[in-house]
PDB file of N, CA and C in Angstrom:
ATOM      1  N   MET A   1      14.215 -11.114 -16.689  1.00  0.00           N
ATOM      2  CA  MET A   1      13.393 -10.608 -15.606  1.00  0.00           C
ATOM      3  C   MET A   1      14.079 -10.842 -14.269  1.00  0.00           C
ATOM      4  N   SER A   2      13.981  -9.862 -13.419  1.00  0.00           N
ATOM      5  CA  SER A   2      14.582 -10.026 -12.108  1.00  0.00           C
ATOM      6  C   SER A   2      13.573 -10.676 -11.166  1.00  0.00           C
ATOM      7  N   GLN A   3      14.089 -11.475 -10.276  1.00  0.00           N
ATOM      8  CA  GLN A   3      13.221 -12.136  -9.310  1.00  0.00           C
ATOM      9  C   GLN A   3      12.883 -11.179  -8.182  1.00  0.00           C
ATOM     10  N   ILE A   4      11.681 -11.286  -7.719  1.00  0.00           N
ATOM     11  CA  ILE A   4      11.244 -10.486  -6.582  1.00  0.00           C
ATOM     12  C   ILE A   4      11.539 -11.275  -5.324  1.00  0.00           C
ATOM     13  N   ASP A   5      12.228 -10.654  -4.397  1.00  0.00           N
ATOM     14  CA  ASP A   5      12.577 -11.316  -3.142  1.00  0.00           C
ATOM     15  C   ASP A   5      11.392 -11.206  -2.187  1.00  0.00           C
ATOM     16  N   ILE A   6      10.679 -12.300  -2.033  1.00  0.00           N
ATOM     17  CA  ILE A   6       9.474 -12.335  -1.206  1.00  0.00           C
ATOM     18  C   ILE A   6       9.794 -12.032   0.256  1.00  0.00           C
ATOM     19  N   ARG A   7      10.975 -12.432   0.723  1.00  0.00           N
ATOM     20  CA  ARG A   7      11.336 -12.204   2.123  1.00  0.00           C
ATOM     21  C   ARG A   7      11.485 -10.732   2.454  1.00  0.00           C
ATOM     22  N   ARG A   8      11.709  -9.902   1.442  1.00  0.00           N
ATOM     23  CA  ARG A   8      11.883  -8.465   1.692  1.00  0.00           C
ATOM     24  C   ARG A   8      10.593  -7.686   1.517  1.00  0.00           C
ATOM     25  N   ILE A   9       9.633  -8.223   0.800  1.00  0.00           N
ATOM     26  CA  ILE A   9       8.421  -7.469   0.497  1.00  0.00           C
ATOM     27  C   ILE A   9       7.587  -7.192   1.746  1.00  0.00           C
ATOM     28  N   LEU A  10       7.370  -8.172   2.577  1.00  0.00           N
ATOM     29  CA  LEU A  10       6.559  -7.971   3.784  1.00  0.00           C
ATOM     30  C   LEU A  10       7.195  -6.961   4.744  1.00  0.00           C
ATOM     31  N   PRO A  11       8.480  -7.089   5.093  1.00  0.00           N
ATOM     32  CA  PRO A  11       9.072  -6.060   5.973  1.00  0.00           C
ATOM     33  C   PRO A  11       9.083  -4.661   5.336  1.00  0.00           C
ATOM     34  N   GLN A  12       9.339  -4.578   4.031  1.00  0.00           N
ATOM     35  CA  GLN A  12       9.304  -3.271   3.366  1.00  0.00           C
ATOM     36  C   GLN A  12       7.915  -2.662   3.461  1.00  0.00           C
ATOM     37  N   THR A  13       6.911  -3.469   3.209  1.00  0.00           N
ATOM     38  CA  THR A  13       5.531  -2.985   3.268  1.00  0.00           C
ATOM     39  C   THR A  13       5.179  -2.522   4.675  1.00  0.00           C
ATOM     40  N   LEU A  14       5.578  -3.274   5.677  1.00  0.00           N
ATOM     41  CA  LEU A  14       5.288  -2.880   7.063  1.00  0.00           C
ATOM     42  C   LEU A  14       5.974  -1.569   7.440  1.00  0.00           C
ATOM     43  N   VAL A  15       7.222  -1.397   7.023  1.00  0.00           N
ATOM     44  CA  VAL A  15       7.944  -0.155   7.321  1.00  0.00           C
ATOM     45  C   VAL A  15       7.283   1.031   6.620  1.00  0.00           C
ATOM     46  N   LEU A  16       6.911   0.856   5.365  1.00  0.00           N
ATOM     47  CA  LEU A  16       6.291   1.957   4.621  1.00  0.00           C
ATOM     48  C   LEU A  16       4.900   2.298   5.153  1.00  0.00           C
ATOM     49  N   ILE A  17       4.123   1.291   5.548  1.00  0.00           N
ATOM     50  CA  ILE A  17       2.808   1.559   6.134  1.00  0.00           C
ATOM     51  C   ILE A  17       2.957   2.270   7.479  1.00  0.00           C
ATOM     52  N   THR A  18       3.936   1.867   8.267  1.00  0.00           N
ATOM     53  CA  THR A  18       4.182   2.523   9.557  1.00  0.00           C
ATOM     54  C   THR A  18       4.579   3.981   9.351  1.00  0.00           C
ATOM     55  N   ALA A  19       5.446   4.236   8.375  1.00  0.00           N
ATOM     56  CA  ALA A  19       5.863   5.614   8.092  1.00  0.00           C
ATOM     57  C   ALA A  19       4.681   6.455   7.643  1.00  0.00           C
ATOM     58  N   ALA A  20       3.857   5.924   6.760  1.00  0.00           N
ATOM     59  CA  ALA A  20       2.681   6.667   6.283  1.00  0.00           C
ATOM     60  C   ALA A  20       1.687   6.906   7.415  1.00  0.00           C
ATOM     61  N   ALA A  21       1.521   5.919   8.280  1.00  0.00           N
ATOM     62  CA  ALA A  21       0.585   6.070   9.401  1.00  0.00           C
ATOM     63  C   ALA A  21       1.059   7.136  10.382  1.00  0.00           C
ATOM     64  N   THR A  22       2.363   7.165  10.663  1.00  0.00           N
ATOM     65  CA  THR A  22       2.847   8.176  11.606  1.00  0.00           C
ATOM     66  C   THR A  22       2.765   9.581  11.018  1.00  0.00           C
ATOM     67  N   LEU A  23       2.874   9.711   9.699  1.00  0.00           N
ATOM     68  CA  LEU A  23       2.703  11.035   9.093  1.00  0.00           C
ATOM     69  C   LEU A  23       1.234  11.440   9.047  1.00  0.00           C
ATOM     70  N   ALA A  24       0.332  10.478   9.106  1.00  0.00           N
ATOM     71  CA  ALA A  24      -1.099  10.796   9.107  1.00  0.00           C
ATOM     72  C   ALA A  24      -1.607  11.141  10.501  1.00  0.00           C
ATOM     73  N   VAL A  25      -0.863  10.792  11.533  1.00  0.00           N
ATOM     74  CA  VAL A  25      -1.330  11.013  12.908  1.00  0.00           C
ATOM     75  C   VAL A  25      -1.466  12.502  13.256  1.00  0.00           C
ATOM     76  N   PRO A  26      -0.469  13.383  12.994  1.00  0.00           N
ATOM     77  CA  PRO A  26      -0.633  14.789  13.405  1.00  0.00           C
ATOM     78  C   PRO A  26      -1.885  15.487  12.851  1.00  0.00           C
ATOM     79  N   PRO A  27      -2.196  15.371  11.551  1.00  0.00           N
ATOM     80  CA  PRO A  27      -3.444  15.996  11.095  1.00  0.00           C
ATOM     81  C   PRO A  27      -4.688  15.376  11.734  1.00  0.00           C
ATOM     82  N   LEU A  28      -4.682  14.058  11.941  1.00  0.00           N
ATOM     83  CA  LEU A  28      -5.835  13.413  12.579  1.00  0.00           C
ATOM     84  C   LEU A  28      -6.006  13.879  14.021  1.00  0.00           C
ATOM     85  N   VAL A  29      -4.904  14.015  14.745  1.00  0.00           N
ATOM     86  CA  VAL A  29      -4.973  14.512  16.124  1.00  0.00           C
ATOM     87  C   VAL A  29      -5.528  15.930  16.145  1.00  0.00           C
ATOM     88  N   LEU A  30      -5.085  16.723  15.213  1.00  0.00           N
ATOM     89  CA  LEU A  30      -5.536  18.112  15.159  1.00  0.00           C
ATOM     90  C   LEU A  30      -7.025  18.202  14.837  1.00  0.00           C
ATOM     91  N   VAL A  31      -7.485  17.403  13.895  1.00  0.00           N
ATOM     92  CA  VAL A  31      -8.895  17.438  13.499  1.00  0.00           C
ATOM     93  C   VAL A  31      -9.790  16.889  14.597  1.00  0.00           C
ATOM     94  N   THR A  32      -9.386  15.815  15.239  1.00  0.00           N
ATOM     95  CA  THR A  32     -10.233  15.203  16.263  1.00  0.00           C
ATOM     96  C   THR A  32     -10.184  15.927  17.605  1.00  0.00           C
ATOM     97  N   SER A  33      -9.231  16.832  17.798  1.00  0.00           N
ATOM     98  CA  SER A  33      -9.150  17.537  19.083  1.00  0.00           C
ATOM     99  C   SER A  33     -10.225  18.604  19.225  1.00  0.00           C
ATOM    100  N   GLY A  34     -10.795  19.021  18.113  1.00  0.00           N
ATOM    101  CA  GLY A  34     -11.844  20.035  18.183  1.00  0.00           C
ATOM    102  C   GLY A  34     -11.319  21.457  18.217  1.00  0.00           C
ATOM    103  N   THR A  35     -10.023  21.642  18.186  1.00  0.00           N
ATOM    104  CA  THR A  35      -9.463  22.997  18.222  1.00  0.00           C
ATOM    105  C   THR A  35      -8.994  23.468  16.847  1.00  0.00           C
ATOM    106  N   ALA A  36      -9.189  22.665  15.831  1.00  0.00           N
ATOM    107  CA  ALA A  36      -8.700  23.024  14.501  1.00  0.00           C
ATOM    108  C   ALA A  36      -9.448  24.205  13.901  1.00  0.00           C
ATOM    109  N   THR A  37     -10.669  24.441  14.338  1.00  0.00           N
ATOM    110  CA  THR A  37     -11.457  25.526  13.761  1.00  0.00           C
ATOM    111  C   THR A  37     -11.393  26.813  14.571  1.00  0.00           C
ATOM    112  N   ILE A  38     -10.640  26.826  15.656  1.00  0.00           N
ATOM    113  CA  ILE A  38     -10.578  28.024  16.500  1.00  0.00           C
ATOM    114  C   ILE A  38      -9.855  29.150  15.789  1.00  0.00           C
ATOM    115  N   SER A  39      -8.653  28.888  15.329  1.00  0.00           N
ATOM    116  CA  SER A  39      -7.842  29.918  14.705  1.00  0.00           C
ATOM    117  C   SER A  39      -6.883  29.269  13.718  1.00  0.00           C
ATOM    118  N   ALA A  40      -6.709  29.899  12.582  1.00  0.00           N
ATOM    119  CA  ALA A  40      -5.776  29.377  11.581  1.00  0.00           C
ATOM    120  C   ALA A  40      -4.349  29.429  12.107  1.00  0.00           C
ATOM    121  N   THR A  41      -4.044  30.448  12.896  1.00  0.00           N
ATOM    122  CA  THR A  41      -2.693  30.573  13.452  1.00  0.00           C
ATOM    123  C   THR A  41      -2.385  29.445  14.425  1.00  0.00           C
ATOM    124  N   SER A  42      -3.290  29.177  15.341  1.00  0.00           N
ATOM    125  CA  SER A  42      -3.041  28.105  16.300  1.00  0.00           C
ATOM    126  C   SER A  42      -3.004  26.743  15.611  1.00  0.00           C
ATOM    127  N   THR A  43      -3.807  26.572  14.569  1.00  0.00           N
ATOM    128  CA  THR A  43      -3.774  25.329  13.804  1.00  0.00           C
ATOM    129  C   THR A  43      -2.432  25.162  13.103  1.00  0.00           C
ATOM    130  N   ALA A  44      -1.928  26.233  12.506  1.00  0.00           N
ATOM    131  CA  ALA A  44      -0.628  26.174  11.829  1.00  0.00           C
ATOM    132  C   ALA A  44       0.496  25.913  12.822  1.00  0.00           C
ATOM    133  N   ILE A  45       0.428  26.534  13.989  1.00  0.00           N
ATOM    134  CA  ILE A  45       1.451  26.326  15.014  1.00  0.00           C
ATOM    135  C   ILE A  45       1.464  24.864  15.463  1.00  0.00           C
ATOM    136  N   ARG A  46       0.305  24.328  15.762  1.00  0.00           N
ATOM    137  CA  ARG A  46       0.229  22.943  16.230  1.00  0.00           C
ATOM    138  C   ARG A  46       0.622  21.952  15.140  1.00  0.00           C
ATOM    139  N   LEU A  47       0.157  22.180  13.911  1.00  0.00           N
ATOM    140  CA  LEU A  47       0.448  21.245  12.829  1.00  0.00           C
ATOM    141  C   LEU A  47       1.931  21.235  12.473  1.00  0.00           C
ATOM    142  N   THR A  48       2.561  22.406  12.386  1.00  0.00           N
ATOM    143  CA  THR A  48       3.996  22.434  12.071  1.00  0.00           C
ATOM    144  C   THR A  48       4.811  21.808  13.192  1.00  0.00           C
ATOM    145  N   GLY A  49       4.413  22.033  14.438  1.00  0.00           N
ATOM    146  CA  GLY A  49       5.132  21.430  15.558  1.00  0.00           C
ATOM    147  C   GLY A  49       5.012  19.915  15.580  1.00  0.00           C
ATOM    148  N   LEU A  50       3.805  19.403  15.387  1.00  0.00           N
ATOM    149  CA  LEU A  50       3.598  17.953  15.397  1.00  0.00           C
ATOM    150  C   LEU A  50       4.276  17.269  14.217  1.00  0.00           C
ATOM    151  N   LEU A  51       4.188  17.873  13.035  1.00  0.00           N
ATOM    152  CA  LEU A  51       4.855  17.276  11.872  1.00  0.00           C
ATOM    153  C   LEU A  51       6.373  17.338  12.010  1.00  0.00           C
ATOM    154  N   ALA A  52       6.894  18.425  12.550  1.00  0.00           N
ATOM    155  CA  ALA A  52       8.337  18.522  12.773  1.00  0.00           C
ATOM    156  C   ALA A  52       8.798  17.439  13.741  1.00  0.00           C
ATOM    157  N   PHE A  53       8.053  17.239  14.812  1.00  0.00           N
ATOM    158  CA  PHE A  53       8.395  16.202  15.774  1.00  0.00           C
ATOM    159  C   PHE A  53       8.382  14.815  15.123  1.00  0.00           C
ATOM    160  N   THR A  54       7.371  14.548  14.302  1.00  0.00           N
ATOM    161  CA  THR A  54       7.264  13.257  13.626  1.00  0.00           C
ATOM    162  C   THR A  54       8.424  13.039  12.668  1.00  0.00           C
ATOM    163  N   LEU A  55       8.767  14.050  11.884  1.00  0.00           N
ATOM    164  CA  LEU A  55       9.858  13.904  10.914  1.00  0.00           C
ATOM    165  C   LEU A  55      11.211  13.772  11.599  1.00  0.00           C
ATOM    166  N   ILE A  56      11.418  14.500  12.675  1.00  0.00           N
ATOM    167  CA  ILE A  56      12.681  14.374  13.400  1.00  0.00           C
ATOM    168  C   ILE A  56      12.770  13.002  14.068  1.00  0.00           C
ATOM    169  N   PHE A  57      11.638  12.475  14.537  1.00  0.00           N
ATOM    170  CA  PHE A  57      11.621  11.113  15.063  1.00  0.00           C
ATOM    171  C   PHE A  57      12.064  10.120  13.997  1.00  0.00           C
ATOM    172  N   TRP A  58      11.508  10.242  12.786  1.00  0.00           N
ATOM    173  CA  TRP A  58      11.901   9.330  11.712  1.00  0.00           C
ATOM    174  C   TRP A  58      13.347   9.533  11.311  1.00  0.00           C
ATOM    175  N   ASN A  59      13.834  10.755  11.381  1.00  0.00           N
ATOM    176  CA  ASN A  59      15.243  11.010  11.074  1.00  0.00           C
ATOM    177  C   ASN A  59      16.149  10.281  12.067  1.00  0.00           C
ATOM    178  N   ILE A  60      15.827  10.363  13.337  1.00  0.00           N
ATOM    179  CA  ILE A  60      16.625   9.685  14.352  1.00  0.00           C
ATOM    180  C   ILE A  60      16.528   8.169  14.190  1.00  0.00           C
ATOM    181  N   MET A  61      15.331   7.670  13.908  1.00  0.00           N
ATOM    182  CA  MET A  61      15.155   6.220  13.754  1.00  0.00           C
ATOM    183  C   MET A  61      15.897   5.684  12.534  1.00  0.00           C
ATOM    184  N   THR A  62      15.855   6.405  11.420  1.00  0.00           N
ATOM    185  CA  THR A  62      16.571   5.910  10.240  1.00  0.00           C
ATOM    186  C   THR A  62      18.074   5.999  10.442  1.00  0.00           C
ATOM    187  N   GLY A  63      18.538   6.963  11.200  1.00  0.00           N
ATOM    188  CA  GLY A  63      19.968   7.039  11.491  1.00  0.00           C
ATOM    189  C   GLY A  63      20.416   5.931  12.421  1.00  0.00           C
ATOM    190  N   ALA A  64      19.618   5.657  13.438  1.00  0.00           N
ATOM    191  CA  ALA A  64      19.989   4.632  14.413  1.00  0.00           C
ATOM    192  C   ALA A  64      19.846   3.218  13.858  1.00  0.00           C
ATOM    193  N   MET A  65      18.877   3.021  12.983  1.00  0.00           N
ATOM    194  CA  MET A  65      18.628   1.679  12.462  1.00  0.00           C
ATOM    195  C   MET A  65      19.059   1.533  11.005  1.00  0.00           C
ATOM    196  N   SER A  66      19.997   2.356  10.577  1.00  0.00           N
ATOM    197  CA  SER A  66      20.375   2.357   9.165  1.00  0.00           C
ATOM    198  C   SER A  66      20.922   1.007   8.702  1.00  0.00           C
ATOM    199  N   ARG A  67      21.704   0.340   9.512  1.00  0.00           N
ATOM    200  CA  ARG A  67      22.269  -0.956   9.100  1.00  0.00           C
ATOM    201  C   ARG A  67      21.168  -1.985   8.829  1.00  0.00           C
ATOM    202  N   ARG A  68      20.153  -1.991   9.683  1.00  0.00           N
ATOM    203  CA  ARG A  68      19.044  -2.934   9.468  1.00  0.00           C
ATOM    204  C   ARG A  68      18.198  -2.536   8.270  1.00  0.00           C
ATOM    205  N   LEU A  69      18.040  -1.240   8.070  1.00  0.00           N
ATOM    206  CA  LEU A  69      17.255  -0.783   6.923  1.00  0.00           C
ATOM    207  C   LEU A  69      17.979  -1.033   5.607  1.00  0.00           C
ATOM    208  N   TYR A  70      19.308  -1.080   5.627  1.00  0.00           N
ATOM    209  CA  TYR A  70      20.065  -1.390   4.415  1.00  0.00           C
ATOM    210  C   TYR A  70      19.743  -2.791   3.910  1.00  0.00           C
ATOM    211  N   ASN A  71      19.364  -3.692   4.813  1.00  0.00           N
ATOM    212  CA  ASN A  71      18.986  -5.038   4.389  1.00  0.00           C
ATOM    213  C   ASN A  71      17.637  -5.065   3.675  1.00  0.00           C
ATOM    214  N   LEU A  72      16.793  -4.083   3.976  1.00  0.00           N
ATOM    215  CA  LEU A  72      15.466  -4.034   3.359  1.00  0.00           C
ATOM    216  C   LEU A  72      15.422  -3.152   2.122  1.00  0.00           C
ATOM    217  N   PHE A  73      16.089  -2.006   2.192  1.00  0.00           N
ATOM    218  CA  PHE A  73      16.058  -1.023   1.105  1.00  0.00           C
ATOM    219  C   PHE A  73      17.479  -0.762   0.635  1.00  0.00           C
ATOM    220  N   ARG A  74      17.589  -0.098  -0.484  1.00  0.00           N
ATOM    221  CA  ARG A  74      18.921   0.297  -0.958  1.00  0.00           C
ATOM    222  C   ARG A  74      19.483   1.369  -0.029  1.00  0.00           C
ATOM    223  N   ALA A  75      20.808   1.329   0.147  1.00  0.00           N
ATOM    224  CA  ALA A  75      21.457   2.268   1.071  1.00  0.00           C
ATOM    225  C   ALA A  75      21.237   3.715   0.641  1.00  0.00           C
ATOM    226  N   ARG A  76      21.262   3.971  -0.660  1.00  0.00           N
ATOM    227  CA  ARG A  76      21.041   5.358  -1.131  1.00  0.00           C
ATOM    228  C   ARG A  76      19.651   5.857  -0.785  1.00  0.00           C
ATOM    229  N   ARG A  77      18.663   4.976  -0.886  1.00  0.00           N
ATOM    230  CA  ARG A  77      17.294   5.388  -0.560  1.00  0.00           C
ATOM    231  C   ARG A  77      17.145   5.650   0.936  1.00  0.00           C
ATOM    232  N   VAL A  78      17.780   4.830   1.752  1.00  0.00           N
ATOM    233  CA  VAL A  78      17.721   5.042   3.202  1.00  0.00           C
ATOM    234  C   VAL A  78      18.371   6.377   3.554  1.00  0.00           C
ATOM    235  N   MET A  79      19.533   6.651   2.979  1.00  0.00           N
ATOM    236  CA  MET A  79      20.223   7.909   3.268  1.00  0.00           C
ATOM    237  C   MET A  79      19.455   9.108   2.724  1.00  0.00           C
ATOM    238  N   ALA A  80      18.844   8.961   1.546  1.00  0.00           N
ATOM    239  CA  ALA A  80      18.042  10.051   0.989  1.00  0.00           C
ATOM    240  C   ALA A  80      16.832  10.325   1.886  1.00  0.00           C
ATOM    241  N   PHE A  81      16.192   9.266   2.365  1.00  0.00           N
ATOM    242  CA  PHE A  81      15.063   9.428   3.276  1.00  0.00           C
ATOM    243  C   PHE A  81      15.521  10.065   4.583  1.00  0.00           C
ATOM    244  N   HIS A  82      16.682   9.645   5.083  1.00  0.00           N
ATOM    245  CA  HIS A  82      17.246  10.197   6.313  1.00  0.00           C
ATOM    246  C   HIS A  82      17.498  11.702   6.159  1.00  0.00           C
ATOM    247  N   ARG A  83      18.123  12.084   5.064  1.00  0.00           N
ATOM    248  CA  ARG A  83      18.389  13.516   4.823  1.00  0.00           C
ATOM    249  C   ARG A  83      17.095  14.303   4.644  1.00  0.00           C
ATOM    250  N   MET A  84      16.149  13.743   3.880  1.00  0.00           N
ATOM    251  CA  MET A  84      14.898  14.444   3.613  1.00  0.00           C
ATOM    252  C   MET A  84      14.104  14.670   4.900  1.00  0.00           C
ATOM    253  N   THR A  85      14.020  13.646   5.747  1.00  0.00           N
ATOM    254  CA  THR A  85      13.271  13.826   6.990  1.00  0.00           C
ATOM    255  C   THR A  85      13.972  14.803   7.922  1.00  0.00           C
ATOM    256  N   GLY A  86      15.302  14.793   7.923  1.00  0.00           N
ATOM    257  CA  GLY A  86      16.039  15.737   8.764  1.00  0.00           C
ATOM    258  C   GLY A  86      15.843  17.175   8.325  1.00  0.00           C
ATOM    259  N   MET A  87      15.991  17.412   7.017  1.00  0.00           N
ATOM    260  CA  MET A  87      15.824  18.785   6.513  1.00  0.00           C
ATOM    261  C   MET A  87      14.383  19.261   6.640  1.00  0.00           C
ATOM    262  N   SER A  88      13.436  18.395   6.305  1.00  0.00           N
ATOM    263  CA  SER A  88      12.023  18.785   6.398  1.00  0.00           C
ATOM    264  C   SER A  88      11.619  19.028   7.850  1.00  0.00           C
ATOM    265  N   GLY A  89      12.062  18.160   8.743  1.00  0.00           N
ATOM    266  CA  GLY A  89      11.746  18.348  10.162  1.00  0.00           C
ATOM    267  C   GLY A  89      12.345  19.626  10.716  1.00  0.00           C
ATOM    268  N   PHE A  90      13.591  19.912  10.326  1.00  0.00           N
ATOM    269  CA  PHE A  90      14.227  21.151  10.783  1.00  0.00           C
ATOM    270  C   PHE A  90      13.493  22.376  10.248  1.00  0.00           C
ATOM    271  N   LEU A  91      13.150  22.358   8.961  1.00  0.00           N
ATOM    272  CA  LEU A  91      12.450  23.507   8.381  1.00  0.00           C
ATOM    273  C   LEU A  91      11.067  23.699   8.988  1.00  0.00           C
ATOM    274  N   LEU A  92      10.366  22.599   9.269  1.00  0.00           N
ATOM    275  CA  LEU A  92       9.065  22.732   9.924  1.00  0.00           C
ATOM    276  C   LEU A  92       9.207  23.236  11.357  1.00  0.00           C
ATOM    277  N   ALA A  93      10.244  22.789  12.060  1.00  0.00           N
ATOM    278  CA  ALA A  93      10.486  23.295  13.411  1.00  0.00           C
ATOM    279  C   ALA A  93      10.829  24.781  13.378  1.00  0.00           C
ATOM    280  N   LEU A  94      11.601  25.176  12.390  1.00  0.00           N
ATOM    281  CA  LEU A  94      11.935  26.596  12.225  1.00  0.00           C
ATOM    282  C   LEU A  94      10.680  27.414  11.905  1.00  0.00           C
ATOM    283  N   ALA A  95       9.843  26.888  11.005  1.00  0.00           N
ATOM    284  CA  ALA A  95       8.585  27.573  10.679  1.00  0.00           C
ATOM    285  C   ALA A  95       7.687  27.654  11.910  1.00  0.00           C
ATOM    286  N   HIS A  96       7.665  26.612  12.709  1.00  0.00           N
ATOM    287  CA  HIS A  96       6.884  26.600  13.952  1.00  0.00           C
ATOM    288  C   HIS A  96       7.327  27.745  14.861  1.00  0.00           C
ATOM    289  N   GLY A  97       8.627  27.883  15.034  1.00  0.00           N
ATOM    290  CA  GLY A  97       9.141  28.969  15.879  1.00  0.00           C
ATOM    291  C   GLY A  97       8.871  30.343  15.304  1.00  0.00           C
ATOM    292  N   VAL A  98       9.028  30.485  14.008  1.00  0.00           N
ATOM    293  CA  VAL A  98       8.780  31.782  13.366  1.00  0.00           C
ATOM    294  C   VAL A  98       7.319  32.174  13.494  1.00  0.00           C
ATOM    295  N   ILE A  99       6.413  31.229  13.321  1.00  0.00           N
ATOM    296  CA  ILE A  99       4.984  31.535  13.467  1.00  0.00           C
ATOM    297  C   ILE A  99       4.677  31.959  14.892  1.00  0.00           C
ATOM    298  N   ILE A 100       5.242  31.274  15.869  1.00  0.00           N
ATOM    299  CA  ILE A 100       4.996  31.643  17.270  1.00  0.00           C
ATOM    300  C   ILE A 100       5.519  33.043  17.558  1.00  0.00           C
ATOM    301  N   ILE A 101       6.744  33.326  17.135  1.00  0.00           N
ATOM    302  CA  ILE A 101       7.328  34.652  17.394  1.00  0.00           C
ATOM    303  C   ILE A 101       6.535  35.739  16.677  1.00  0.00           C
ATOM    304  N   THR A 102       6.171  35.474  15.428  1.00  0.00           N
ATOM    305  CA  THR A 102       5.474  36.490  14.636  1.00  0.00           C
ATOM    306  C   THR A 102       4.093  36.803  15.186  1.00  0.00           C
ATOM    307  N   TYR A 103       3.328  35.810  15.537  1.00  0.00           N
ATOM    308  CA  TYR A 103       1.941  36.058  15.932  1.00  0.00           C
ATOM    309  C   TYR A 103       1.733  36.223  17.427  1.00  0.00           C
ATOM    310  N   ASP A 104       2.641  35.744  18.251  1.00  0.00           N
ATOM    311  CA  ASP A 104       2.450  35.874  19.692  1.00  0.00           C
ATOM    312  C   ASP A 104       3.220  37.040  20.294  1.00  0.00           C
ATOM    313  N   TYR A 105       4.460  37.215  19.882  1.00  0.00           N
ATOM    314  CA  TYR A 105       5.312  38.205  20.535  1.00  0.00           C
ATOM    315  C   TYR A 105       5.463  39.495  19.735  1.00  0.00           C
ATOM    316  N   LEU A 106       5.493  39.399  18.430  1.00  0.00           N
ATOM    317  CA  LEU A 106       5.798  40.552  17.600  1.00  0.00           C
ATOM    318  C   LEU A 106       4.730  41.638  17.587  1.00  0.00           C
ATOM    319  N   PRO A 107       3.437  41.355  17.681  1.00  0.00           N
ATOM    320  CA  PRO A 107       2.448  42.438  17.627  1.00  0.00           C
ATOM    321  C   PRO A 107       2.597  43.490  18.718  1.00  0.00           C
ATOM    322  N   SER A 108       3.221  43.164  19.824  1.00  0.00           N
ATOM    323  CA  SER A 108       3.381  44.157  20.887  1.00  0.00           C
ATOM    324  C   SER A 108       4.528  45.130  20.607  1.00  0.00           C
ATOM    325  N   TYR A 109       5.370  44.824  19.621  1.00  0.00           N
ATOM    326  CA  TYR A 109       6.482  45.687  19.273  1.00  0.00           C
ATOM    327  C   TYR A 109       6.158  46.500  18.032  1.00  0.00           C
ATOM    328  N   SER A 110       6.913  47.565  17.861  1.00  0.00           N
ATOM    329  CA  SER A 110       6.767  48.373  16.664  1.00  0.00           C
ATOM    330  C   SER A 110       7.273  47.588  15.463  1.00  0.00           C
ATOM    331  N   LYS A 111       6.689  47.826  14.307  1.00  0.00           N
ATOM    332  CA  LYS A 111       7.110  47.121  13.096  1.00  0.00           C
ATOM    333  C   LYS A 111       8.527  47.518  12.681  1.00  0.00           C
ATOM    334  N   ILE A 112       9.025  48.643  13.152  1.00  0.00           N
ATOM    335  CA  ILE A 112      10.390  49.067  12.866  1.00  0.00           C
ATOM    336  C   ILE A 112      11.380  48.078  13.481  1.00  0.00           C
ATOM    337  N   TRP A 113      10.978  47.403  14.553  1.00  0.00           N
ATOM    338  CA  TRP A 113      11.849  46.446  15.233  1.00  0.00           C
ATOM    339  C   TRP A 113      12.301  45.334  14.281  1.00  0.00           C
ATOM    340  N   ILE A 114      11.457  44.978  13.324  1.00  0.00           N
ATOM    341  CA  ILE A 114      11.799  43.922  12.368  1.00  0.00           C
ATOM    342  C   ILE A 114      12.931  44.391  11.454  1.00  0.00           C
ATOM    343  N   ILE A 115      12.824  45.595  10.963  1.00  0.00           N
ATOM    344  CA  ILE A 115      13.803  46.124  10.015  1.00  0.00           C
ATOM    345  C   ILE A 115      15.086  46.534  10.710  1.00  0.00           C
ATOM    346  N   GLY A 116      14.953  47.106  11.856  1.00  0.00           N
ATOM    347  CA  GLY A 116      16.113  47.617  12.576  1.00  0.00           C
ATOM    348  C   GLY A 116      15.972  49.120  12.770  1.00  0.00           C
ATOM    349  N   PRO A 117      16.926  49.701  13.489  1.00  0.00           N
ATOM    350  CA  PRO A 117      16.832  51.155  13.706  1.00  0.00           C
ATOM    351  C   PRO A 117      17.029  51.911  12.397  1.00  0.00           C
ATOM    352  N   ILE A 118      16.170  52.887  12.192  1.00  0.00           N
ATOM    353  CA  ILE A 118      16.251  53.677  10.959  1.00  0.00           C
ATOM    354  C   ILE A 118      16.504  55.130  11.362  1.00  0.00           C
ATOM    355  N   ARG A 119      17.511  55.749  10.754  1.00  0.00           N
ATOM    356  CA  ARG A 119      17.807  57.162  10.996  1.00  0.00           C
ATOM    357  C   ARG A 119      17.565  57.947   9.720  1.00  0.00           C
ATOM    358  N   SER A 120      17.122  59.133   9.913  1.00  0.00           N
ATOM    359  CA  SER A 120      16.992  59.985   8.730  1.00  0.00           C
ATOM    360  C   SER A 120      18.354  60.588   8.402  1.00  0.00           C
ATOM    361  N   PRO A 121      18.630  60.864   7.150  1.00  0.00           N
ATOM    362  CA  PRO A 121      19.942  61.411   6.781  1.00  0.00           C
ATOM    363  C   PRO A 121      20.218  62.759   7.414  1.00  0.00           C
ATOM    364  N   CYS A 122      19.181  63.518   7.805  1.00  0.00           N
ATOM    365  CA  CYS A 122      19.372  64.843   8.387  1.00  0.00           C
ATOM    366  C   CYS A 122      19.864  64.769   9.835  1.00  0.00           C
ATOM    367  N   SER A 123      19.642  63.634  10.523  1.00  0.00           N
ATOM    368  CA  SER A 123      20.003  63.574  11.934  1.00  0.00           C
ATOM    369  C   SER A 123      21.461  63.162  12.149  1.00  0.00           C
ATOM    370  N   LEU A 124      22.257  63.050  11.120  1.00  0.00           N
ATOM    371  CA  LEU A 124      23.657  62.689  11.273  1.00  0.00           C
ATOM    372  C   LEU A 124      24.451  63.808  11.768  1.00  0.00           C
TER     373      LEU A 124
END
């Protein structure tokens, strides 16, 4: 049987609880603000933006504090978490921008603008 290192359990638990709490904050802020029921589009825009910001924050923190986190967790897990938060934060930020462009700016343009200019074969 392997021994459990008691000195590492408390800091690991605190880091994991902090990470879970910060991921729970954006939905709680959205629900308590009273604007979550106004529009599904505005809710999606706000939620993707807040979650992207939170994940990118954790990505920067795990990168900057990686040496200290290696003492608490395995290096592979820290790097996997770092990569996962970076990719997820980037994809959520990208989705945030796409939702804004699609629902705020795109309705004023023709739908052909999405596809590109289309010519009929007879007009050549």
